[in-house]
Amino acid sequence: LPQWRVSNAAAADWDNRPGDALQILQQVDPEHDLDWLPDTEHLAYWDGLSSAYHALGRHEDELAAGSRSHLSSLGGLLIRGRALAALGRGAAALRVLDSSLAKPAEPGLTNGMLPLTDGRPEYAGSPAWVALWIARELTVHGDSISGSTAARRAATWIDALPREDGETVE
């Protein structure tokens, strides 16, 4: 069953076995097997697939999966931005980041595991969270200049929030 495969792949990912996660997810046909997922974009599948590619250093495949997914959400932008950062394409990753800053928050993006949300799901999966993740990936993959630029853009977005939102612990 595809449900078990996506779940088992997530467990393999959490157990730091990206090769196993990839092998499991490659048995799923995303065009026909994912109607059971609660979101129409099937983010759990595409994120699992792209995360496995990322952990294995297969960044071209990761980017291809992000493009094949046709995700228009913050999750899709995160997948593409992470892959572009790993490929050393800082300018393209920053364009993706800028697109993310125009999107609404997606609480489901963090699977409800984001600490310190103080019961406010609107702070989970925010555009700033995606921007900071892309900043981290740029820096980790050797582009500290684009990483710093990305972090500044995230900070600017946060600074533009109403004071009561911008000063929250989240």
N, C-alpha and C. Protein backbone atom coordinates (compact mmCIF):
# COMPACT_ATOMS: atom_id res chain seq x y z
N LEU A 1 0.83 -1.19 0.00
CA LEU A 1 0.00 0.00 0.00
C LEU A 1 0.87 1.26 0.00
N PRO A 2 0.51 2.24 -0.80
CA PRO A 2 1.30 3.47 -0.84
C PRO A 2 1.38 4.18 0.52
N GLN A 3 0.30 4.09 1.32
CA GLN A 3 0.30 4.73 2.63
C GLN A 3 1.45 4.20 3.48
N TRP A 4 1.60 2.89 3.47
CA TRP A 4 2.66 2.27 4.26
C TRP A 4 4.03 2.65 3.72
N ARG A 5 4.14 2.74 2.42
CA ARG A 5 5.43 3.08 1.84
C ARG A 5 5.87 4.49 2.25
N VAL A 6 4.97 5.45 2.16
CA VAL A 6 5.33 6.82 2.54
C VAL A 6 5.67 6.88 4.02
N SER A 7 4.90 6.20 4.84
CA SER A 7 5.16 6.15 6.27
C SER A 7 6.49 5.45 6.57
N ASN A 8 6.73 4.32 5.93
CA ASN A 8 7.98 3.58 6.16
C ASN A 8 9.18 4.39 5.67
N ALA A 9 9.02 5.11 4.59
CA ALA A 9 10.11 5.96 4.09
C ALA A 9 10.41 7.07 5.09
N ALA A 10 9.37 7.65 5.68
CA ALA A 10 9.59 8.69 6.69
C ALA A 10 10.33 8.11 7.89
N ALA A 11 9.97 6.90 8.29
CA ALA A 11 10.66 6.26 9.42
C ALA A 11 12.12 6.00 9.07
N ALA A 12 12.39 5.57 7.85
CA ALA A 12 13.78 5.34 7.42
C ALA A 12 14.56 6.65 7.42
N ASP A 13 13.90 7.72 6.97
CA ASP A 13 14.55 9.03 6.98
C ASP A 13 14.88 9.46 8.41
N TRP A 14 13.94 9.31 9.31
CA TRP A 14 14.15 9.69 10.71
C TRP A 14 15.24 8.83 11.35
N ASP A 15 15.45 7.64 10.81
CA ASP A 15 16.48 6.73 11.32
C ASP A 15 17.80 6.93 10.57
N ASN A 16 17.89 8.01 9.80
CA ASN A 16 19.09 8.35 9.05
C ASN A 16 19.48 7.25 8.06
N ARG A 17 18.49 6.74 7.35
CA ARG A 17 18.71 5.74 6.32
C ARG A 17 18.10 6.26 5.01
N PRO A 18 18.69 7.32 4.43
CA PRO A 18 18.10 7.91 3.23
C PRO A 18 18.06 6.98 2.03
N GLY A 19 19.01 6.07 1.93
CA GLY A 19 18.99 5.10 0.82
C GLY A 19 17.76 4.21 0.89
N ASP A 20 17.42 3.77 2.10
CA ASP A 20 16.22 2.95 2.27
C ASP A 20 14.97 3.78 1.97
N ALA A 21 14.94 5.02 2.44
CA ALA A 21 13.79 5.89 2.19
C ALA A 21 13.59 6.07 0.69
N LEU A 22 14.69 6.31 -0.02
CA LEU A 22 14.60 6.50 -1.47
C LEU A 22 14.10 5.24 -2.16
N GLN A 23 14.64 4.11 -1.78
CA GLN A 23 14.22 2.84 -2.38
C GLN A 23 12.72 2.61 -2.18
N ILE A 24 12.23 2.90 -1.00
CA ILE A 24 10.81 2.73 -0.70
C ILE A 24 9.96 3.68 -1.54
N LEU A 25 10.35 4.95 -1.59
CA LEU A 25 9.54 5.95 -2.30
C LEU A 25 9.56 5.75 -3.81
N GLN A 26 10.61 5.14 -4.32
CA GLN A 26 10.66 4.88 -5.76
C GLN A 26 9.67 3.80 -6.18
N GLN A 27 9.06 3.13 -5.22
CA GLN A 27 8.02 2.13 -5.51
C GLN A 27 6.63 2.77 -5.60
N VAL A 28 6.55 4.07 -5.31
CA VAL A 28 5.27 4.78 -5.32
C VAL A 28 5.14 5.53 -6.64
N ASP A 29 3.98 5.43 -7.25
CA ASP A 29 3.69 6.20 -8.46
C ASP A 29 2.96 7.48 -8.03
N PRO A 30 3.64 8.63 -8.06
CA PRO A 30 3.01 9.85 -7.55
C PRO A 30 1.79 10.29 -8.35
N GLU A 31 1.66 9.83 -9.56
CA GLU A 31 0.50 10.21 -10.38
C GLU A 31 -0.76 9.46 -9.97
N HIS A 32 -0.62 8.28 -9.36
CA HIS A 32 -1.79 7.45 -9.09
C HIS A 32 -1.93 6.98 -7.64
N ASP A 33 -0.86 6.99 -6.87
CA ASP A 33 -0.87 6.35 -5.57
C ASP A 33 -1.04 7.28 -4.37
N LEU A 34 -1.25 8.55 -4.59
CA LEU A 34 -1.20 9.48 -3.46
C LEU A 34 -2.50 10.19 -3.13
N ASP A 35 -3.59 9.75 -3.69
CA ASP A 35 -4.87 10.42 -3.43
C ASP A 35 -5.29 10.38 -1.97
N TRP A 36 -4.74 9.47 -1.19
CA TRP A 36 -5.07 9.34 0.22
C TRP A 36 -4.46 10.44 1.08
N LEU A 37 -3.42 11.11 0.57
CA LEU A 37 -2.78 12.17 1.36
C LEU A 37 -3.74 13.34 1.55
N PRO A 38 -3.68 14.00 2.70
CA PRO A 38 -4.65 15.06 2.99
C PRO A 38 -4.46 16.34 2.17
N ASP A 39 -3.27 16.55 1.62
CA ASP A 39 -3.05 17.76 0.81
C ASP A 39 -2.99 17.37 -0.66
N THR A 40 -3.48 18.24 -1.50
CA THR A 40 -3.54 17.95 -2.94
C THR A 40 -2.17 17.96 -3.60
N GLU A 41 -1.19 18.59 -2.96
CA GLU A 41 0.15 18.65 -3.56
C GLU A 41 1.03 17.46 -3.15
N HIS A 42 0.57 16.64 -2.21
CA HIS A 42 1.29 15.44 -1.78
C HIS A 42 2.69 15.77 -1.26
N LEU A 43 2.76 16.79 -0.42
CA LEU A 43 4.03 17.27 0.10
C LEU A 43 4.82 16.20 0.85
N ALA A 44 4.15 15.34 1.60
CA ALA A 44 4.86 14.31 2.37
C ALA A 44 5.69 13.43 1.44
N TYR A 45 5.13 13.07 0.29
CA TYR A 45 5.87 12.24 -0.67
C TYR A 45 7.05 13.01 -1.26
N TRP A 46 6.76 14.19 -1.80
CA TRP A 46 7.81 14.95 -2.50
C TRP A 46 8.91 15.41 -1.55
N ASP A 47 8.55 15.78 -0.35
CA ASP A 47 9.56 16.18 0.62
C ASP A 47 10.41 14.97 1.01
N GLY A 48 9.78 13.84 1.23
CA GLY A 48 10.55 12.63 1.56
C GLY A 48 11.51 12.24 0.46
N LEU A 49 11.03 12.29 -0.78
CA LEU A 49 11.87 11.94 -1.93
C LEU A 49 13.03 12.91 -2.07
N SER A 50 12.73 14.20 -2.01
CA SER A 50 13.80 15.20 -2.19
C SER A 50 14.77 15.19 -1.01
N SER A 51 14.28 14.94 0.20
CA SER A 51 15.16 14.85 1.37
C SER A 51 16.12 13.67 1.25
N ALA A 52 15.63 12.56 0.75
CA ALA A 52 16.50 11.39 0.55
C ALA A 52 17.58 11.72 -0.47
N TYR A 53 17.18 12.31 -1.59
CA TYR A 53 18.18 12.70 -2.59
C TYR A 53 19.20 13.67 -1.98
N HIS A 54 18.72 14.62 -1.19
CA HIS A 54 19.61 15.62 -0.58
C HIS A 54 20.62 14.94 0.33
N ALA A 55 20.15 14.06 1.19
CA ALA A 55 21.04 13.39 2.14
C ALA A 55 22.07 12.51 1.42
N LEU A 56 21.71 12.01 0.26
CA LEU A 56 22.61 11.17 -0.52
C LEU A 56 23.53 11.97 -1.43
N GLY A 57 23.37 13.31 -1.42
CA GLY A 57 24.20 14.16 -2.27
C GLY A 57 23.79 14.15 -3.73
N ARG A 58 22.60 13.67 -4.02
CA ARG A 58 22.10 13.61 -5.40
C ARG A 58 21.24 14.85 -5.68
N HIS A 59 21.90 15.98 -5.73
CA HIS A 59 21.18 17.26 -5.76
C HIS A 59 20.51 17.55 -7.10
N GLU A 60 21.06 17.06 -8.19
CA GLU A 60 20.37 17.22 -9.49
C GLU A 60 19.04 16.45 -9.47
N ASP A 61 19.06 15.25 -8.91
CA ASP A 61 17.83 14.46 -8.78
C ASP A 61 16.85 15.14 -7.83
N GLU A 62 17.41 15.74 -6.77
CA GLU A 62 16.57 16.48 -5.81
C GLU A 62 15.85 17.63 -6.50
N LEU A 63 16.60 18.39 -7.30
CA LEU A 63 16.00 19.51 -8.02
C LEU A 63 14.97 19.02 -9.04
N ALA A 64 15.28 17.94 -9.72
CA ALA A 64 14.33 17.37 -10.69
C ALA A 64 13.04 16.93 -9.99
N ALA A 65 13.16 16.33 -8.81
CA ALA A 65 11.97 15.92 -8.06
C ALA A 65 11.16 17.15 -7.67
N GLY A 66 11.84 18.21 -7.23
CA GLY A 66 11.14 19.44 -6.89
C GLY A 66 10.42 20.04 -8.07
N SER A 67 11.01 19.93 -9.25
CA SER A 67 10.36 20.46 -10.46
C SER A 67 9.21 19.55 -10.90
N ARG A 68 9.41 18.24 -10.79
CA ARG A 68 8.38 17.28 -11.18
C ARG A 68 7.15 17.37 -10.30
N SER A 69 7.36 17.80 -9.05
CA SER A 69 6.26 17.83 -8.09
C SER A 69 5.20 18.87 -8.42
N HIS A 70 5.58 19.92 -9.12
CA HIS A 70 4.68 21.04 -9.44
C HIS A 70 4.10 21.68 -8.18
N LEU A 71 4.85 21.62 -7.09
CA LEU A 71 4.39 22.25 -5.86
C LEU A 71 4.48 23.76 -5.99
N SER A 72 3.40 24.44 -5.68
CA SER A 72 3.41 25.90 -5.71
C SER A 72 3.42 26.48 -4.31
N SER A 73 3.45 25.62 -3.32
CA SER A 73 3.38 26.02 -1.92
C SER A 73 4.76 26.38 -1.38
N LEU A 74 4.78 26.82 -0.12
CA LEU A 74 6.06 27.05 0.56
C LEU A 74 6.89 25.78 0.58
N GLY A 75 6.25 24.65 0.76
CA GLY A 75 6.98 23.38 0.76
C GLY A 75 7.72 23.15 -0.54
N GLY A 76 7.08 23.43 -1.65
CA GLY A 76 7.74 23.29 -2.95
C GLY A 76 8.90 24.25 -3.12
N LEU A 77 8.71 25.47 -2.63
CA LEU A 77 9.79 26.45 -2.71
C LEU A 77 10.97 26.02 -1.84
N LEU A 78 10.68 25.46 -0.68
CA LEU A 78 11.75 24.96 0.19
C LEU A 78 12.52 23.85 -0.50
N ILE A 79 11.82 22.91 -1.12
CA ILE A 79 12.48 21.81 -1.81
C ILE A 79 13.39 22.34 -2.91
N ARG A 80 12.88 23.26 -3.73
CA ARG A 80 13.70 23.80 -4.82
C ARG A 80 14.85 24.65 -4.30
N GLY A 81 14.59 25.48 -3.30
CA GLY A 81 15.65 26.33 -2.74
C GLY A 81 16.76 25.52 -2.12
N ARG A 82 16.40 24.45 -1.41
CA ARG A 82 17.40 23.59 -0.78
C ARG A 82 18.28 22.93 -1.85
N ALA A 83 17.67 22.45 -2.92
CA ALA A 83 18.44 21.81 -3.99
C ALA A 83 19.34 22.81 -4.69
N LEU A 84 18.81 23.98 -5.00
CA LEU A 84 19.62 25.00 -5.68
C LEU A 84 20.80 25.43 -4.81
N ALA A 85 20.58 25.54 -3.52
CA ALA A 85 21.68 25.90 -2.61
C ALA A 85 22.76 24.83 -2.63
N ALA A 86 22.36 23.57 -2.60
CA ALA A 86 23.32 22.48 -2.61
C ALA A 86 24.09 22.41 -3.92
N LEU A 87 23.47 22.86 -4.99
CA LEU A 87 24.12 22.85 -6.31
C LEU A 87 25.00 24.08 -6.53
N GLY A 88 25.07 24.97 -5.54
CA GLY A 88 25.90 26.16 -5.68
C GLY A 88 25.27 27.24 -6.56
N ARG A 89 23.96 27.19 -6.70
CA ARG A 89 23.26 28.18 -7.53
C ARG A 89 22.58 29.20 -6.62
N GLY A 90 23.42 30.01 -5.96
CA GLY A 90 22.95 30.96 -4.96
C GLY A 90 21.95 31.96 -5.47
N ALA A 91 22.19 32.53 -6.64
CA ALA A 91 21.26 33.54 -7.17
C ALA A 91 19.88 32.93 -7.40
N ALA A 92 19.83 31.73 -7.93
CA ALA A 92 18.54 31.07 -8.16
C ALA A 92 17.87 30.74 -6.83
N ALA A 93 18.66 30.29 -5.84
CA ALA A 93 18.10 29.99 -4.52
C ALA A 93 17.52 31.25 -3.89
N LEU A 94 18.19 32.38 -4.07
CA LEU A 94 17.67 33.65 -3.52
C LEU A 94 16.38 34.07 -4.21
N ARG A 95 16.24 33.79 -5.50
CA ARG A 95 14.98 34.10 -6.20
C ARG A 95 13.85 33.25 -5.63
N VAL A 96 14.14 31.99 -5.36
CA VAL A 96 13.13 31.11 -4.75
C VAL A 96 12.78 31.63 -3.36
N LEU A 97 13.79 32.02 -2.60
CA LEU A 97 13.56 32.58 -1.27
C LEU A 97 12.65 33.80 -1.35
N ASP A 98 12.93 34.70 -2.30
CA ASP A 98 12.09 35.89 -2.44
C ASP A 98 10.64 35.51 -2.74
N SER A 99 10.44 34.48 -3.54
CA SER A 99 9.08 34.01 -3.82
C SER A 99 8.41 33.50 -2.55
N SER A 100 9.19 32.85 -1.69
CA SER A 100 8.62 32.30 -0.46
C SER A 100 8.12 33.41 0.46
N LEU A 101 8.80 34.55 0.45
CA LEU A 101 8.44 35.63 1.36
C LEU A 101 7.09 36.28 0.99
N ALA A 102 6.57 35.96 -0.19
CA ALA A 102 5.27 36.49 -0.61
C ALA A 102 4.13 35.50 -0.33
N LYS A 103 4.46 34.35 0.25
CA LYS A 103 3.45 33.31 0.50
C LYS A 103 2.93 33.38 1.93
N PRO A 104 1.73 32.86 2.16
CA PRO A 104 1.23 32.75 3.55
C PRO A 104 1.90 31.58 4.25
N ALA A 105 1.81 31.58 5.56
CA ALA A 105 2.37 30.48 6.36
C ALA A 105 1.64 29.19 6.04
N GLU A 106 2.33 28.08 6.20
CA GLU A 106 1.76 26.74 6.02
C GLU A 106 2.10 25.91 7.24
N PRO A 107 1.25 25.94 8.26
CA PRO A 107 1.55 25.23 9.51
C PRO A 107 1.90 23.75 9.31
N GLY A 108 1.32 23.09 8.34
CA GLY A 108 1.60 21.68 8.10
C GLY A 108 2.98 21.41 7.57
N LEU A 109 3.67 22.44 7.12
CA LEU A 109 4.99 22.27 6.54
C LEU A 109 5.99 21.70 7.54
N THR A 110 5.82 22.01 8.81
CA THR A 110 6.76 21.52 9.83
C THR A 110 6.23 20.29 10.54
N ASN A 111 5.17 19.69 10.04
CA ASN A 111 4.58 18.49 10.63
C ASN A 111 4.22 18.65 12.09
N GLY A 112 3.97 19.88 12.52
CA GLY A 112 3.55 20.12 13.88
C GLY A 112 4.65 19.89 14.91
N MET A 113 5.89 19.75 14.47
CA MET A 113 6.97 19.45 15.41
C MET A 113 7.84 20.66 15.71
N LEU A 114 7.45 21.84 15.24
CA LEU A 114 8.24 23.03 15.50
C LEU A 114 8.09 23.42 16.97
N PRO A 115 9.20 23.50 17.70
CA PRO A 115 9.09 23.88 19.11
C PRO A 115 8.78 25.36 19.27
N LEU A 116 8.32 25.71 20.42
CA LEU A 116 8.12 27.10 20.81
C LEU A 116 7.05 27.84 20.01
N THR A 117 6.03 27.16 19.56
CA THR A 117 4.97 27.88 18.85
C THR A 117 3.91 28.40 19.80
N ASP A 118 4.01 28.09 21.06
CA ASP A 118 3.11 28.63 22.08
C ASP A 118 1.65 28.47 21.69
N GLY A 119 1.35 27.37 21.00
CA GLY A 119 -0.03 27.10 20.61
C GLY A 119 -0.51 27.92 19.43
N ARG A 120 0.36 28.59 18.74
CA ARG A 120 -0.03 29.42 17.60
C ARG A 120 0.48 28.80 16.30
N PRO A 121 -0.34 28.00 15.63
CA PRO A 121 0.15 27.30 14.44
C PRO A 121 0.54 28.24 13.30
N GLU A 122 0.07 29.47 13.33
CA GLU A 122 0.42 30.38 12.24
C GLU A 122 1.91 30.72 12.21
N TYR A 123 2.63 30.37 13.28
CA TYR A 123 4.06 30.64 13.30
C TYR A 123 4.88 29.46 12.80
N ALA A 124 4.26 28.33 12.61
CA ALA A 124 4.96 27.17 12.08
C ALA A 124 4.89 27.21 10.55
N GLY A 125 5.97 26.88 9.91
CA GLY A 125 5.96 26.87 8.45
C GLY A 125 5.79 28.25 7.86
N SER A 126 6.39 29.25 8.47
CA SER A 126 6.26 30.62 7.96
C SER A 126 7.24 30.85 6.80
N PRO A 127 7.01 31.88 6.00
CA PRO A 127 7.98 32.22 4.97
C PRO A 127 9.38 32.47 5.54
N ALA A 128 9.46 33.05 6.73
CA ALA A 128 10.77 33.28 7.35
C ALA A 128 11.44 31.96 7.69
N TRP A 129 10.67 30.96 8.13
CA TRP A 129 11.23 29.65 8.42
C TRP A 129 11.85 29.05 7.17
N VAL A 130 11.16 29.16 6.03
CA VAL A 130 11.68 28.66 4.76
C VAL A 130 12.93 29.45 4.37
N ALA A 131 12.88 30.76 4.50
CA ALA A 131 14.02 31.60 4.14
C ALA A 131 15.24 31.27 4.98
N LEU A 132 15.05 31.06 6.27
CA LEU A 132 16.19 30.72 7.13
C LEU A 132 16.73 29.34 6.81
N TRP A 133 15.86 28.42 6.41
CA TRP A 133 16.32 27.09 6.02
C TRP A 133 17.18 27.20 4.75
N ILE A 134 16.74 28.00 3.79
CA ILE A 134 17.52 28.18 2.56
C ILE A 134 18.84 28.88 2.89
N ALA A 135 18.82 29.85 3.82
CA ALA A 135 20.06 30.53 4.24
C ALA A 135 21.03 29.50 4.82
N ARG A 136 20.51 28.61 5.64
CA ARG A 136 21.36 27.57 6.23
C ARG A 136 21.96 26.69 5.16
N GLU A 137 21.14 26.26 4.20
CA GLU A 137 21.64 25.38 3.14
C GLU A 137 22.70 26.07 2.29
N LEU A 138 22.48 27.33 1.97
CA LEU A 138 23.49 28.07 1.21
C LEU A 138 24.82 28.09 1.95
N THR A 139 24.76 28.38 3.23
CA THR A 139 25.98 28.47 4.03
C THR A 139 26.65 27.10 4.17
N VAL A 140 25.87 26.08 4.49
CA VAL A 140 26.41 24.73 4.66
C VAL A 140 27.08 24.24 3.39
N HIS A 141 26.54 24.62 2.25
CA HIS A 141 27.08 24.16 0.97
C HIS A 141 28.10 25.13 0.38
N GLY A 142 28.62 26.04 1.23
CA GLY A 142 29.78 26.84 0.84
C GLY A 142 29.54 28.23 0.29
N ASP A 143 28.30 28.70 0.26
CA ASP A 143 28.02 30.04 -0.25
C ASP A 143 27.59 30.94 0.90
N SER A 144 28.56 31.33 1.71
CA SER A 144 28.24 32.12 2.90
C SER A 144 27.75 33.53 2.53
N ILE A 145 28.15 34.04 1.39
CA ILE A 145 27.67 35.38 0.99
C ILE A 145 26.19 35.33 0.69
N SER A 146 25.75 34.36 -0.12
CA SER A 146 24.31 34.22 -0.40
C SER A 146 23.56 33.80 0.86
N GLY A 147 24.21 32.98 1.70
CA GLY A 147 23.58 32.58 2.96
C GLY A 147 23.30 33.78 3.85
N SER A 148 24.26 34.70 3.95
CA SER A 148 24.06 35.92 4.74
C SER A 148 22.99 36.80 4.12
N THR A 149 22.98 36.89 2.81
CA THR A 149 21.95 37.67 2.12
C THR A 149 20.57 37.09 2.42
N ALA A 150 20.47 35.78 2.36
CA ALA A 150 19.20 35.11 2.64
C ALA A 150 18.75 35.38 4.08
N ALA A 151 19.67 35.28 5.02
CA ALA A 151 19.32 35.53 6.43
C ALA A 151 18.87 36.98 6.62
N ARG A 152 19.53 37.92 5.96
CA ARG A 152 19.11 39.33 6.07
C ARG A 152 17.71 39.53 5.49
N ARG A 153 17.42 38.86 4.39
CA ARG A 153 16.08 39.00 3.79
C ARG A 153 15.02 38.42 4.72
N ALA A 154 15.34 37.32 5.38
CA ALA A 154 14.40 36.74 6.35
C ALA A 154 14.20 37.71 7.52
N ALA A 155 15.28 38.30 8.00
CA ALA A 155 15.18 39.26 9.11
C ALA A 155 14.37 40.48 8.70
N THR A 156 14.54 40.94 7.48
CA THR A 156 13.76 42.09 6.98
C THR A 156 12.28 41.74 6.95
N TRP A 157 11.96 40.52 6.51
CA TRP A 157 10.56 40.08 6.49
C TRP A 157 10.00 40.06 7.90
N ILE A 158 10.76 39.52 8.84
CA ILE A 158 10.32 39.46 10.23
C ILE A 158 10.14 40.87 10.80
N ASP A 159 11.08 41.76 10.50
CA ASP A 159 11.00 43.15 11.00
C ASP A 159 9.78 43.88 10.46
N ALA A 160 9.27 43.46 9.32
CA ALA A 160 8.10 44.11 8.72
C ALA A 160 6.78 43.64 9.34
N LEU A 161 6.83 42.60 10.15
CA LEU A 161 5.62 42.11 10.81
C LEU A 161 5.13 43.12 11.83
N PRO A 162 3.85 43.09 12.16
CA PRO A 162 3.38 43.91 13.28
C PRO A 162 4.19 43.55 14.52
N ARG A 163 4.44 44.53 15.36
CA ARG A 163 5.32 44.36 16.51
C ARG A 163 4.98 43.13 17.35
N GLU A 164 3.69 42.91 17.63
CA GLU A 164 3.31 41.77 18.48
C GLU A 164 3.64 40.43 17.83
N ASP A 165 3.70 40.39 16.51
CA ASP A 165 4.09 39.15 15.83
C ASP A 165 5.60 39.05 15.72
N GLY A 166 6.26 40.12 15.35
CA GLY A 166 7.70 40.10 15.16
C GLY A 166 8.50 39.87 16.43
N GLU A 167 7.91 40.16 17.58
CA GLU A 167 8.64 39.99 18.84
C GLU A 167 8.28 38.69 19.56
N THR A 168 7.54 37.81 18.93
CA THR A 168 7.22 36.54 19.58
C THR A 168 8.44 35.65 19.62
N VAL A 169 8.45 34.71 20.52
CA VAL A 169 9.57 33.78 20.65
C VAL A 169 9.73 32.95 19.38
N GLU A 170 8.65 32.71 18.68
CA GLU A 170 8.73 31.91 17.46
C GLU A 170 9.61 32.60 16.43
